[in-house]
Amino acid sequence: WPTLPALARRLAPMQAGVVAGTLLGAWWLGAPSG
């Protein structure tokens, strides 16, 4: 845990992209089915 904050700051842009891409994909594609 002590090294996590610095790593989280370094990877924050990527993780923001992950959240945005997942939510956009859920809105655009719907739930994975069929």
Full PDB file with SEQRES, HELIX, SHEET, SSBOND, CRYST1, ORIGX, SCALE, CONECT and MASTER records, all heavy atoms in Angstrom:
SEQRES   1 A   34  TRP PRO THR LEU PRO ALA LEU ALA ARG ARG LEU ALA PRO          
SEQRES   2 A   34  MET GLN ALA GLY VAL VAL ALA GLY THR LEU LEU GLY ALA          
SEQRES   3 A   34  TRP TRP LEU GLY ALA PRO SER GLY                              
HELIX    1 AA1 LEU A    4  LEU A   29  1                                  26    
CRYST1    1.000    1.000    1.000  90.00  90.00  90.00 P 1           1          
ORIGX1      1.000000  0.000000  0.000000        0.00000                         
ORIGX2      0.000000  1.000000  0.000000        0.00000                         
ORIGX3      0.000000  0.000000  1.000000        0.00000                         
SCALE1      1.000000  0.000000  0.000000        0.00000                         
SCALE2      0.000000  1.000000  0.000000        0.00000                         
SCALE3      0.000000  0.000000  1.000000        0.00000                         
ATOM      1  N   TRP A   1       0.792  -1.221   0.000  1.00  0.00           N  
ATOM      2  CA  TRP A   1       0.000   0.000   0.000  1.00  0.00           C  
ATOM      3  C   TRP A   1       0.835   1.287   0.000  1.00  0.00           C  
ATOM      4  O   TRP A   1       0.417   2.271  -0.639  1.00  0.00           O  
ATOM      5  CB  TRP A   1      -0.949  -0.007   1.198  1.00  0.00           C  
ATOM      6  CG  TRP A   1      -1.780  -1.242   1.315  1.00  0.00           C  
ATOM      7  CD1 TRP A   1      -1.841  -2.090   2.378  1.00  0.00           C  
ATOM      8  CD2 TRP A   1      -2.680  -1.787   0.343  1.00  0.00           C  
ATOM      9  NE1 TRP A   1      -2.714  -3.138   2.129  1.00  0.00           N  
ATOM     10  CE2 TRP A   1      -3.238  -2.970   0.871  1.00  0.00           C  
ATOM     11  CE3 TRP A   1      -3.060  -1.408  -0.943  1.00  0.00           C  
ATOM     12  CZ2 TRP A   1      -4.158  -3.767   0.200  1.00  0.00           C  
ATOM     13  CZ3 TRP A   1      -3.974  -2.198  -1.633  1.00  0.00           C  
ATOM     14  CH2 TRP A   1      -4.503  -3.353  -1.062  1.00  0.00           C  
ATOM     15  N   PRO A   2       2.002   1.364   0.679  1.00  0.00           N  
ATOM     16  CA  PRO A   2       2.737   2.643   0.703  1.00  0.00           C  
ATOM     17  C   PRO A   2       3.156   3.134  -0.688  1.00  0.00           C  
ATOM     18  O   PRO A   2       3.285   4.343  -0.899  1.00  0.00           O  
ATOM     19  CB  PRO A   2       3.960   2.332   1.575  1.00  0.00           C  
ATOM     20  CG  PRO A   2       3.490   1.240   2.485  1.00  0.00           C  
ATOM     21  CD  PRO A   2       2.603   0.390   1.626  1.00  0.00           C  
ATOM     22  N   THR A   3       3.395   2.237  -1.634  1.00  0.00           N  
ATOM     23  CA  THR A   3       3.834   2.657  -2.972  1.00  0.00           C  
ATOM     24  C   THR A   3       2.665   2.879  -3.926  1.00  0.00           C  
ATOM     25  O   THR A   3       2.874   3.344  -5.054  1.00  0.00           O  
ATOM     26  CB  THR A   3       4.768   1.600  -3.589  1.00  0.00           C  
ATOM     27  OG1 THR A   3       4.055   0.361  -3.727  1.00  0.00           O  
ATOM     28  CG2 THR A   3       5.987   1.380  -2.704  1.00  0.00           C  
ATOM     29  N   LEU A   4       1.453   2.581  -3.482  1.00  0.00           N  
ATOM     30  CA  LEU A   4       0.304   2.657  -4.380  1.00  0.00           C  
ATOM     31  C   LEU A   4      -0.056   4.081  -4.806  1.00  0.00           C  
ATOM     32  O   LEU A   4      -0.351   4.314  -5.984  1.00  0.00           O  
ATOM     33  CB  LEU A   4      -0.905   1.971  -3.735  1.00  0.00           C  
ATOM     34  CG  LEU A   4      -2.177   1.906  -4.588  1.00  0.00           C  
ATOM     35  CD1 LEU A   4      -1.918   1.135  -5.872  1.00  0.00           C  
ATOM     36  CD2 LEU A   4      -3.309   1.249  -3.793  1.00  0.00           C  
ATOM     37  N   PRO A   5      -0.061   5.093  -3.894  1.00  0.00           N  
ATOM     38  CA  PRO A   5      -0.457   6.446  -4.335  1.00  0.00           C  
ATOM     39  C   PRO A   5       0.386   6.984  -5.488  1.00  0.00           C  
ATOM     40  O   PRO A   5      -0.148   7.559  -6.442  1.00  0.00           O  
ATOM     41  CB  PRO A   5      -0.288   7.273  -3.059  1.00  0.00           C  
ATOM     42  CG  PRO A   5      -0.490   6.296  -1.942  1.00  0.00           C  
ATOM     43  CD  PRO A   5       0.152   5.031  -2.437  1.00  0.00           C  
ATOM     44  N   ALA A   6       1.708   6.801  -5.420  1.00  0.00           N  
ATOM     45  CA  ALA A   6       2.564   7.303  -6.500  1.00  0.00           C  
ATOM     46  C   ALA A   6       2.270   6.580  -7.805  1.00  0.00           C  
ATOM     47  O   ALA A   6       2.223   7.201  -8.888  1.00  0.00           O  
ATOM     48  CB  ALA A   6       4.039   7.136  -6.112  1.00  0.00           C  
ATOM     49  N   LEU A   7       2.065   5.269  -7.732  1.00  0.00           N  
ATOM     50  CA  LEU A   7       1.743   4.513  -8.937  1.00  0.00           C  
ATOM     51  C   LEU A   7       0.393   4.935  -9.509  1.00  0.00           C  
ATOM     52  O   LEU A   7       0.239   5.071 -10.732  1.00  0.00           O  
ATOM     53  CB  LEU A   7       1.727   3.012  -8.607  1.00  0.00           C  
ATOM     54  CG  LEU A   7       1.424   2.079  -9.777  1.00  0.00           C  
ATOM     55  CD1 LEU A   7       2.548   2.122 -10.801  1.00  0.00           C  
ATOM     56  CD2 LEU A   7       1.218   0.646  -9.286  1.00  0.00           C  
ATOM     57  N   ALA A   8      -0.576   5.155  -8.627  1.00  0.00           N  
ATOM     58  CA  ALA A   8      -1.902   5.577  -9.084  1.00  0.00           C  
ATOM     59  C   ALA A   8      -1.833   6.924  -9.793  1.00  0.00           C  
ATOM     60  O   ALA A   8      -2.510   7.142 -10.809  1.00  0.00           O  
ATOM     61  CB  ALA A   8      -2.865   5.642  -7.903  1.00  0.00           C  
ATOM     62  N   ARG A   9      -1.014   7.839  -9.279  1.00  0.00           N  
ATOM     63  CA  ARG A   9      -0.860   9.136  -9.949  1.00  0.00           C  
ATOM     64  C   ARG A   9      -0.235   8.964 -11.327  1.00  0.00           C  
ATOM     65  O   ARG A   9      -0.647   9.607 -12.295  1.00  0.00           O  
ATOM     66  CB  ARG A   9      -0.020  10.080  -9.088  1.00  0.00           C  
ATOM     67  CG  ARG A   9      -0.755  10.621  -7.863  1.00  0.00           C  
ATOM     68  CD  ARG A   9       0.030  11.756  -7.223  1.00  0.00           C  
ATOM     69  NE  ARG A   9       1.313  11.304  -6.685  1.00  0.00           N  
ATOM     70  CZ  ARG A   9       1.489  10.842  -5.456  1.00  0.00           C  
ATOM     71  NH1 ARG A   9       0.452  10.746  -4.618  1.00  0.00           N  
ATOM     72  NH2 ARG A   9       2.681  10.481  -5.030  1.00  0.00           N  
ATOM     73  N   ARG A  10       0.754   8.093 -11.416  1.00  0.00           N  
ATOM     74  CA  ARG A  10       1.430   7.873 -12.697  1.00  0.00           C  
ATOM     75  C   ARG A  10       0.478   7.282 -13.744  1.00  0.00           C  
ATOM     76  O   ARG A  10       0.534   7.647 -14.919  1.00  0.00           O  
ATOM     77  CB  ARG A  10       2.617   6.934 -12.491  1.00  0.00           C  
ATOM     78  CG  ARG A  10       3.377   6.608 -13.775  1.00  0.00           C  
ATOM     79  CD  ARG A  10       4.538   5.667 -13.520  1.00  0.00           C  
ATOM     80  NE  ARG A  10       5.243   5.364 -14.754  1.00  0.00           N  
ATOM     81  CZ  ARG A  10       6.266   4.509 -14.844  1.00  0.00           C  
ATOM     82  NH1 ARG A  10       6.718   3.895 -13.743  1.00  0.00           N  
ATOM     83  NH2 ARG A  10       6.843   4.274 -16.008  1.00  0.00           N  
ATOM     84  N   LEU A  11      -0.395   6.389 -13.306  1.00  0.00           N  
ATOM     85  CA  LEU A  11      -1.281   5.686 -14.241  1.00  0.00           C  
ATOM     86  C   LEU A  11      -2.672   6.307 -14.320  1.00  0.00           C  
ATOM     87  O   LEU A  11      -3.551   5.749 -14.977  1.00  0.00           O  
ATOM     88  CB  LEU A  11      -1.399   4.215 -13.830  1.00  0.00           C  
ATOM     89  CG  LEU A  11      -0.111   3.393 -13.857  1.00  0.00           C  
ATOM     90  CD1 LEU A  11      -0.390   1.960 -13.416  1.00  0.00           C  
ATOM     91  CD2 LEU A  11       0.526   3.410 -15.244  1.00  0.00           C  
ATOM     92  N   ALA A  12      -2.877   7.440 -13.671  1.00  0.00           N  
ATOM     93  CA  ALA A  12      -4.209   8.048 -13.636  1.00  0.00           C  
ATOM     94  C   ALA A  12      -4.788   8.321 -15.024  1.00  0.00           C  
ATOM     95  O   ALA A  12      -5.973   8.052 -15.269  1.00  0.00           O  
ATOM     96  CB  ALA A  12      -4.177   9.330 -12.810  1.00  0.00           C  
ATOM     97  N   PRO A  13      -4.017   8.860 -15.985  1.00  0.00           N  
ATOM     98  CA  PRO A  13      -4.608   9.088 -17.315  1.00  0.00           C  
ATOM     99  C   PRO A  13      -5.100   7.804 -17.980  1.00  0.00           C  
ATOM    100  O   PRO A  13      -6.174   7.780 -18.601  1.00  0.00           O  
ATOM    101  CB  PRO A  13      -3.458   9.716 -18.100  1.00  0.00           C  
ATOM    102  CG  PRO A  13      -2.585  10.350 -17.062  1.00  0.00           C  
ATOM    103  CD  PRO A  13      -2.653   9.418 -15.890  1.00  0.00           C  
ATOM    104  N   MET A  14      -4.317   6.735 -17.842  1.00  0.00           N  
ATOM    105  CA  MET A  14      -4.748   5.454 -18.414  1.00  0.00           C  
ATOM    106  C   MET A  14      -6.020   4.956 -17.741  1.00  0.00           C  
ATOM    107  O   MET A  14      -6.961   4.498 -18.405  1.00  0.00           O  
ATOM    108  CB  MET A  14      -3.634   4.414 -18.252  1.00  0.00           C  
ATOM    109  CG  MET A  14      -4.025   3.028 -18.731  1.00  0.00           C  
ATOM    110  SD  MET A  14      -2.851   1.777 -18.174  1.00  0.00           S  
ATOM    111  CE  MET A  14      -3.679   0.276 -18.733  1.00  0.00           C  
ATOM    112  N   GLN A  15      -6.070   5.043 -16.408  1.00  0.00           N  
ATOM    113  CA  GLN A  15      -7.242   4.520 -15.691  1.00  0.00           C  
ATOM    114  C   GLN A  15      -8.488   5.358 -15.984  1.00  0.00           C  
ATOM    115  O   GLN A  15      -9.602   4.831 -16.048  1.00  0.00           O  
ATOM    116  CB  GLN A  15      -6.955   4.495 -14.183  1.00  0.00           C  
ATOM    117  CG  GLN A  15      -5.752   3.657 -13.795  1.00  0.00           C  
ATOM    118  CD  GLN A  15      -5.714   2.299 -14.477  1.00  0.00           C  
ATOM    119  OE1 GLN A  15      -6.705   1.567 -14.492  1.00  0.00           O  
ATOM    120  NE2 GLN A  15      -4.588   1.962 -15.073  1.00  0.00           N  
ATOM    121  N   ALA A  16      -8.316   6.673 -16.183  1.00  0.00           N  
ATOM    122  CA  ALA A  16      -9.453   7.495 -16.593  1.00  0.00           C  
ATOM    123  C   ALA A  16      -9.971   7.040 -17.951  1.00  0.00           C  
ATOM    124  O   ALA A  16     -11.191   6.991 -18.186  1.00  0.00           O  
ATOM    125  CB  ALA A  16      -9.034   8.969 -16.642  1.00  0.00           C  
ATOM    126  N   GLY A  17      -9.040   6.679 -18.843  1.00  0.00           N  
ATOM    127  CA  GLY A  17      -9.445   6.153 -20.145  1.00  0.00           C  
ATOM    128  C   GLY A  17     -10.181   4.827 -20.026  1.00  0.00           C  
ATOM    129  O   GLY A  17     -11.147   4.575 -20.752  1.00  0.00           O  
ATOM    130  N   VAL A  18      -9.733   3.968 -19.107  1.00  0.00           N  
ATOM    131  CA  VAL A  18     -10.407   2.686 -18.886  1.00  0.00           C  
ATOM    132  C   VAL A  18     -11.865   2.902 -18.473  1.00  0.00           C  
ATOM    133  O   VAL A  18     -12.788   2.280 -19.021  1.00  0.00           O  
ATOM    134  CB  VAL A  18      -9.666   1.868 -17.805  1.00  0.00           C  
ATOM    135  CG1 VAL A  18     -10.530   0.700 -17.334  1.00  0.00           C  
ATOM    136  CG2 VAL A  18      -8.341   1.351 -18.337  1.00  0.00           C  
ATOM    137  N   VAL A  19     -12.077   3.794 -17.509  1.00  0.00           N  
ATOM    138  CA  VAL A  19     -13.438   4.054 -17.034  1.00  0.00           C  
ATOM    139  C   VAL A  19     -14.289   4.639 -18.155  1.00  0.00           C  
ATOM    140  O   VAL A  19     -15.414   4.179 -18.410  1.00  0.00           O  
ATOM    141  CB  VAL A  19     -13.406   5.017 -15.826  1.00  0.00           C  
ATOM    142  CG1 VAL A  19     -14.826   5.415 -15.434  1.00  0.00           C  
ATOM    143  CG2 VAL A  19     -12.694   4.352 -14.648  1.00  0.00           C  
ATOM    144  N   ALA A  20     -13.753   5.635 -18.865  1.00  0.00           N  
ATOM    145  CA  ALA A  20     -14.515   6.271 -19.935  1.00  0.00           C  
ATOM    146  C   ALA A  20     -14.832   5.274 -21.048  1.00  0.00           C  
ATOM    147  O   ALA A  20     -15.964   5.223 -21.555  1.00  0.00           O  
ATOM    148  CB  ALA A  20     -13.739   7.463 -20.495  1.00  0.00           C  
ATOM    149  N   GLY A  21     -13.837   4.463 -21.436  1.00  0.00           N  
ATOM    150  CA  GLY A  21     -14.053   3.498 -22.512  1.00  0.00           C  
ATOM    151  C   GLY A  21     -15.056   2.422 -22.142  1.00  0.00           C  
ATOM    152  O   GLY A  21     -15.885   2.013 -22.964  1.00  0.00           O  
ATOM    153  N   THR A  22     -15.001   1.953 -20.896  1.00  0.00           N  
ATOM    154  CA  THR A  22     -15.939   0.919 -20.458  1.00  0.00           C  
ATOM    155  C   THR A  22     -17.369   1.447 -20.430  1.00  0.00           C  
ATOM    156  O   THR A  22     -18.302   0.793 -20.915  1.00  0.00           O  
ATOM    157  CB  THR A  22     -15.550   0.396 -19.060  1.00  0.00           C  
ATOM    158  OG1 THR A  22     -14.195  -0.055 -19.077  1.00  0.00           O  
ATOM    159  CG2 THR A  22     -16.455  -0.763 -18.652  1.00  0.00           C  
ATOM    160  N   LEU A  23     -17.548   2.643 -19.874  1.00  0.00           N  
ATOM    161  CA  LEU A  23     -18.903   3.201 -19.788  1.00  0.00           C  
ATOM    162  C   LEU A  23     -19.432   3.575 -21.168  1.00  0.00           C  
ATOM    163  O   LEU A  23     -20.616   3.347 -21.464  1.00  0.00           O  
ATOM    164  CB  LEU A  23     -18.900   4.417 -18.871  1.00  0.00           C  
ATOM    165  CG  LEU A  23     -18.505   4.139 -17.407  1.00  0.00           C  
ATOM    166  CD1 LEU A  23     -18.567   5.415 -16.582  1.00  0.00           C  
ATOM    167  CD2 LEU A  23     -19.406   3.062 -16.799  1.00  0.00           C  
ATOM    168  N   LEU A  24     -18.562   4.120 -22.028  1.00  0.00           N  
ATOM    169  CA  LEU A  24     -18.992   4.427 -23.395  1.00  0.00           C  
ATOM    170  C   LEU A  24     -19.359   3.148 -24.131  1.00  0.00           C  
ATOM    171  O   LEU A  24     -20.369   3.097 -24.849  1.00  0.00           O  
ATOM    172  CB  LEU A  24     -17.872   5.171 -24.132  1.00  0.00           C  
ATOM    173  CG  LEU A  24     -18.143   5.480 -25.609  1.00  0.00           C  
ATOM    174  CD1 LEU A  24     -19.349   6.399 -25.752  1.00  0.00           C  
ATOM    175  CD2 LEU A  24     -16.902   6.096 -26.269  1.00  0.00           C  
ATOM    176  N   GLY A  25     -18.540   2.112 -23.955  1.00  0.00           N  
ATOM    177  CA  GLY A  25     -18.832   0.837 -24.606  1.00  0.00           C  
ATOM    178  C   GLY A  25     -20.141   0.240 -24.121  1.00  0.00           C  
ATOM    179  O   GLY A  25     -20.907  -0.330 -24.903  1.00  0.00           O  
ATOM    180  N   ALA A  26     -20.419   0.366 -22.821  1.00  0.00           N  
ATOM    181  CA  ALA A  26     -21.681  -0.157 -22.278  1.00  0.00           C  
ATOM    182  C   ALA A  26     -22.875   0.588 -22.863  1.00  0.00           C  
ATOM    183  O   ALA A  26     -23.915  -0.009 -23.159  1.00  0.00           O  
ATOM    184  CB  ALA A  26     -21.677  -0.031 -20.752  1.00  0.00           C  
ATOM    185  N   TRP A  27     -22.726   1.908 -23.028  1.00  0.00           N  
ATOM    186  CA  TRP A  27     -23.813   2.702 -23.619  1.00  0.00           C  
ATOM    187  C   TRP A  27     -23.985   2.398 -25.096  1.00  0.00           C  
ATOM    188  O   TRP A  27     -25.100   2.298 -25.603  1.00  0.00           O  
ATOM    189  CB  TRP A  27     -23.510   4.188 -23.419  1.00  0.00           C  
ATOM    190  CG  TRP A  27     -24.462   5.090 -24.140  1.00  0.00           C  
ATOM    191  CD1 TRP A  27     -25.729   5.420 -23.777  1.00  0.00           C  
ATOM    192  CD2 TRP A  27     -24.198   5.778 -25.376  1.00  0.00           C  
ATOM    193  NE1 TRP A  27     -26.293   6.274 -24.706  1.00  0.00           N  
ATOM    194  CE2 TRP A  27     -25.374   6.502 -25.699  1.00  0.00           C  
ATOM    195  CE3 TRP A  27     -23.088   5.845 -26.225  1.00  0.00           C  
ATOM    196  CZ2 TRP A  27     -25.453   7.285 -26.852  1.00  0.00           C  
ATOM    197  CZ3 TRP A  27     -23.171   6.619 -27.359  1.00  0.00           C  
ATOM    198  CH2 TRP A  27     -24.345   7.333 -27.661  1.00  0.00           C  
ATOM    199  N   TRP A  28     -22.869   2.206 -25.796  1.00  0.00           N  
ATOM    200  CA  TRP A  28     -22.897   2.030 -27.245  1.00  0.00           C  
ATOM    201  C   TRP A  28     -23.280   0.594 -27.631  1.00  0.00           C  
ATOM    202  O   TRP A  28     -24.119   0.361 -28.504  1.00  0.00           O  
ATOM    203  CB  TRP A  28     -21.516   2.381 -27.806  1.00  0.00           C  
ATOM    204  CG  TRP A  28     -21.356   2.222 -29.289  1.00  0.00           C  
ATOM    205  CD1 TRP A  28     -22.315   2.392 -30.252  1.00  0.00           C  
ATOM    206  CD2 TRP A  28     -20.158   1.842 -29.972  1.00  0.00           C  
ATOM    207  NE1 TRP A  28     -21.777   2.164 -31.495  1.00  0.00           N  
ATOM    208  CE2 TRP A  28     -20.457   1.821 -31.352  1.00  0.00           C  
ATOM    209  CE3 TRP A  28     -18.865   1.553 -29.548  1.00  0.00           C  
ATOM    210  CZ2 TRP A  28     -19.495   1.497 -32.317  1.00  0.00           C  
ATOM    211  CZ3 TRP A  28     -17.917   1.245 -30.512  1.00  0.00           C  
ATOM    212  CH2 TRP A  28     -18.227   1.212 -31.868  1.00  0.00           C  
ATOM    213  N   LEU A  29     -22.673  -0.406 -26.951  1.00  0.00           N  
ATOM    214  CA  LEU A  29     -22.836  -1.802 -27.329  1.00  0.00           C  
ATOM    215  C   LEU A  29     -23.909  -2.527 -26.528  1.00  0.00           C  
ATOM    216  O   LEU A  29     -24.408  -3.564 -26.962  1.00  0.00           O  
ATOM    217  CB  LEU A  29     -21.504  -2.548 -27.156  1.00  0.00           C  
ATOM    218  CG  LEU A  29     -20.316  -2.016 -27.975  1.00  0.00           C  
ATOM    219  CD1 LEU A  29     -19.035  -2.707 -27.526  1.00  0.00           C  
ATOM    220  CD2 LEU A  29     -20.559  -2.225 -29.461  1.00  0.00           C  
ATOM    221  N   GLY A  30     -24.247  -1.990 -25.338  1.00  0.00           N  
ATOM    222  CA  GLY A  30     -25.146  -2.721 -24.452  1.00  0.00           C  
ATOM    223  C   GLY A  30     -24.384  -3.816 -23.730  1.00  0.00           C  
ATOM    224  O   GLY A  30     -23.155  -3.926 -23.813  1.00  0.00           O  
ATOM    225  N   ALA A  31     -25.109  -4.642 -22.999  1.00  0.00           N  
ATOM    226  CA  ALA A  31     -24.476  -5.751 -22.276  1.00  0.00           C  
ATOM    227  C   ALA A  31     -24.001  -6.809 -23.267  1.00  0.00           C  
ATOM    228  O   ALA A  31     -24.641  -7.026 -24.294  1.00  0.00           O  
ATOM    229  CB  ALA A  31     -25.460  -6.375 -21.288  1.00  0.00           C  
ATOM    230  N   PRO A  32     -22.860  -7.484 -22.976  1.00  0.00           N  
ATOM    231  CA  PRO A  32     -22.371  -8.528 -23.889  1.00  0.00           C  
ATOM    232  C   PRO A  32     -23.312  -9.728 -23.900  1.00  0.00           C  
ATOM    233  O   PRO A  32     -23.416 -10.467 -22.927  1.00  0.00           O  
ATOM    234  CB  PRO A  32     -20.994  -8.894 -23.315  1.00  0.00           C  
ATOM    235  CG  PRO A  32     -21.053  -8.472 -21.886  1.00  0.00           C  
ATOM    236  CD  PRO A  32     -21.971  -7.285 -21.822  1.00  0.00           C  
ATOM    237  N   SER A  33     -24.035  -9.891 -24.991  1.00  0.00           N  
ATOM    238  CA  SER A  33     -24.992 -11.000 -25.098  1.00  0.00           C  
ATOM    239  C   SER A  33     -25.150 -11.371 -26.559  1.00  0.00           C  
ATOM    240  O   SER A  33     -24.812 -10.593 -27.457  1.00  0.00           O  
ATOM    241  CB  SER A  33     -26.353 -10.604 -24.510  1.00  0.00           C  
ATOM    242  OG  SER A  33     -26.900  -9.506 -25.222  1.00  0.00           O  
ATOM    243  N   GLY A  34     -25.645 -12.568 -26.791  1.00  0.00           N  
ATOM    244  CA  GLY A  34     -25.881 -13.022 -28.145  1.00  0.00           C  
ATOM    245  C   GLY A  34     -24.613 -13.546 -28.801  1.00  0.00           C  
ATOM    246  O   GLY A  34     -23.531 -13.578 -28.215  1.00  0.00           O  
TER     247      GLY A  34                                                      
MASTER        0    0    0    1    0    0    0    6  246    1    0    3          
END                                                                             
